[in-house]
Amino acid sequence: MATPPIIVHAPTPSGARLVTVHINGRDEKLGLAHSDRDIIVFLSDAGMADPERALDTPALVEWQGAAAHQYQAT
């Protein structure tokens, strides 16, 4: 199975999650998210048509290191 193009990495001790997108054979940082709203803004700014729906679409977004929508360090 191919890796989804958007990765929400494990939470940092402060609760932020790095968000990256895999494009043109490399990973690019979109920013540090402290909430789903931050990710939605990143994806919208990157031109995604329906970023809210993408958060729960495993083919597009992979949540690593903690459950989806969780921002506290585990």
C-alpha atoms as a PDB file:
ATOM      1  CA  MET A   1       0.000   0.000   0.000  1.00  0.00           C
ATOM      2  CA  ALA A   2       1.302   3.449  -0.897  1.00  0.00           C
ATOM      3  CA  THR A   3       2.009   5.971   1.827  1.00  0.00           C
ATOM      4  CA  PRO A   4      -0.638   8.702   1.979  1.00  0.00           C
ATOM      5  CA  PRO A   5       0.714  12.016   0.721  1.00  0.00           C
ATOM      6  CA  ILE A   6      -0.066  13.915   3.965  1.00  0.00           C
ATOM      7  CA  ILE A   7       1.535  12.803   7.222  1.00  0.00           C
ATOM      8  CA  VAL A   8       0.523  14.129  10.647  1.00  0.00           C
ATOM      9  CA  HIS A   9       3.491  13.163  12.797  1.00  0.00           C
ATOM     10  CA  ALA A  10       3.520  12.193  16.477  1.00  0.00           C
ATOM     11  CA  PRO A  11       2.793  14.968  18.976  1.00  0.00           C
ATOM     12  CA  THR A  12       5.735  16.818  20.477  1.00  0.00           C
ATOM     13  CA  PRO A  13       5.880  17.236  24.269  1.00  0.00           C
ATOM     14  CA  SER A  14       4.071  20.568  23.802  1.00  0.00           C
ATOM     15  CA  GLY A  15       1.281  18.879  21.821  1.00  0.00           C
ATOM     16  CA  ALA A  16       2.141  20.236  18.384  1.00  0.00           C
ATOM     17  CA  ARG A  17       2.142  17.834  15.433  1.00  0.00           C
ATOM     18  CA  LEU A  18       4.356  18.360  12.403  1.00  0.00           C
ATOM     19  CA  VAL A  19       2.415  18.098   9.151  1.00  0.00           C
ATOM     20  CA  THR A  20       4.240  17.133   5.967  1.00  0.00           C
ATOM     21  CA  VAL A  21       3.158  16.435   2.410  1.00  0.00           C
ATOM     22  CA  HIS A  22       4.925  14.021   0.057  1.00  0.00           C
ATOM     23  CA  ILE A  23       5.175  15.683  -3.322  1.00  0.00           C
ATOM     24  CA  ASN A  24       7.567  15.364  -6.248  1.00  0.00           C
ATOM     25  CA  GLY A  25       9.436  12.537  -4.521  1.00  0.00           C
ATOM     26  CA  ARG A  26      10.185  14.414  -1.301  1.00  0.00           C
ATOM     27  CA  ASP A  27       8.567  15.482   1.953  1.00  0.00           C
ATOM     28  CA  GLU A  28       7.794  19.152   2.512  1.00  0.00           C
ATOM     29  CA  LYS A  29       6.809  20.686   5.834  1.00  0.00           C
ATOM     30  CA  LEU A  30       3.438  22.412   5.924  1.00  0.00           C
ATOM     31  CA  GLY A  31       3.763  23.506   9.554  1.00  0.00           C
ATOM     32  CA  LEU A  32       3.139  22.617  13.195  1.00  0.00           C
ATOM     33  CA  ALA A  33      -0.482  21.946  14.040  1.00  0.00           C
ATOM     34  CA  HIS A  34      -1.938  22.393  17.517  1.00  0.00           C
ATOM     35  CA  SER A  35      -5.445  21.434  16.367  1.00  0.00           C
ATOM     36  CA  ASP A  36      -7.380  20.027  13.423  1.00  0.00           C
ATOM     37  CA  ARG A  37      -8.167  23.622  12.461  1.00  0.00           C
ATOM     38  CA  ASP A  38      -4.452  24.277  11.861  1.00  0.00           C
ATOM     39  CA  ILE A  39      -4.222  21.265   9.535  1.00  0.00           C
ATOM     40  CA  ILE A  40      -7.329  22.381   7.663  1.00  0.00           C
ATOM     41  CA  VAL A  41      -5.742  25.810   7.113  1.00  0.00           C
ATOM     42  CA  PHE A  42      -2.458  24.233   5.909  1.00  0.00           C
ATOM     43  CA  LEU A  43      -4.290  21.999   3.432  1.00  0.00           C
ATOM     44  CA  SER A  44      -6.562  24.791   2.245  1.00  0.00           C
ATOM     45  CA  ASP A  45      -3.552  27.069   1.679  1.00  0.00           C
ATOM     46  CA  ALA A  46      -1.934  24.227  -0.314  1.00  0.00           C
ATOM     47  CA  GLY A  47      -4.969  24.180  -2.612  1.00  0.00           C
ATOM     48  CA  MET A  48      -6.889  21.147  -1.330  1.00  0.00           C
ATOM     49  CA  ALA A  49     -10.581  21.467  -2.214  1.00  0.00           C
ATOM     50  CA  ASP A  50     -12.143  19.796   0.853  1.00  0.00           C
ATOM     51  CA  PRO A  51      -9.512  19.713   3.617  1.00  0.00           C
ATOM     52  CA  GLU A  52     -11.954  18.975   6.470  1.00  0.00           C
ATOM     53  CA  ARG A  53     -13.042  15.751   4.808  1.00  0.00           C
ATOM     54  CA  ALA A  54      -9.435  14.753   4.063  1.00  0.00           C
ATOM     55  CA  LEU A  55      -8.542  14.466   7.768  1.00  0.00           C
ATOM     56  CA  ASP A  56     -10.530  11.238   8.048  1.00  0.00           C
ATOM     57  CA  THR A  57      -9.550   9.828   4.651  1.00  0.00           C
ATOM     58  CA  PRO A  58      -6.751   7.279   5.200  1.00  0.00           C
ATOM     59  CA  ALA A  59      -5.839   7.327   1.505  1.00  0.00           C
ATOM     60  CA  LEU A  60      -4.876  11.008   1.909  1.00  0.00           C
ATOM     61  CA  VAL A  61      -3.822  11.514   5.546  1.00  0.00           C
ATOM     62  CA  GLU A  62      -1.783   9.230   7.787  1.00  0.00           C
ATOM     63  CA  TRP A  63      -1.791   9.973  11.520  1.00  0.00           C
ATOM     64  CA  GLN A  64       1.440   8.711  13.119  1.00  0.00           C
ATOM     65  CA  GLY A  65       2.429   8.240  16.742  1.00  0.00           C
ATOM     66  CA  ALA A  66      -0.987   8.993  18.286  1.00  0.00           C
ATOM     67  CA  ALA A  67      -4.660   8.663  17.464  1.00  0.00           C
ATOM     68  CA  ALA A  68      -6.176  10.925  14.845  1.00  0.00           C
ATOM     69  CA  HIS A  69      -7.227  14.313  16.175  1.00  0.00           C
ATOM     70  CA  GLN A  70      -5.127  13.886  19.365  1.00  0.00           C
ATOM     71  CA  TYR A  71      -2.666  16.648  20.180  1.00  0.00           C
ATOM     72  CA  GLN A  72      -1.411  15.655  23.608  1.00  0.00           C
ATOM     73  CA  ALA A  73       1.885  13.781  23.814  1.00  0.00           C
ATOM     74  CA  THR A  74       1.415  10.126  24.674  1.00  0.00           C
END
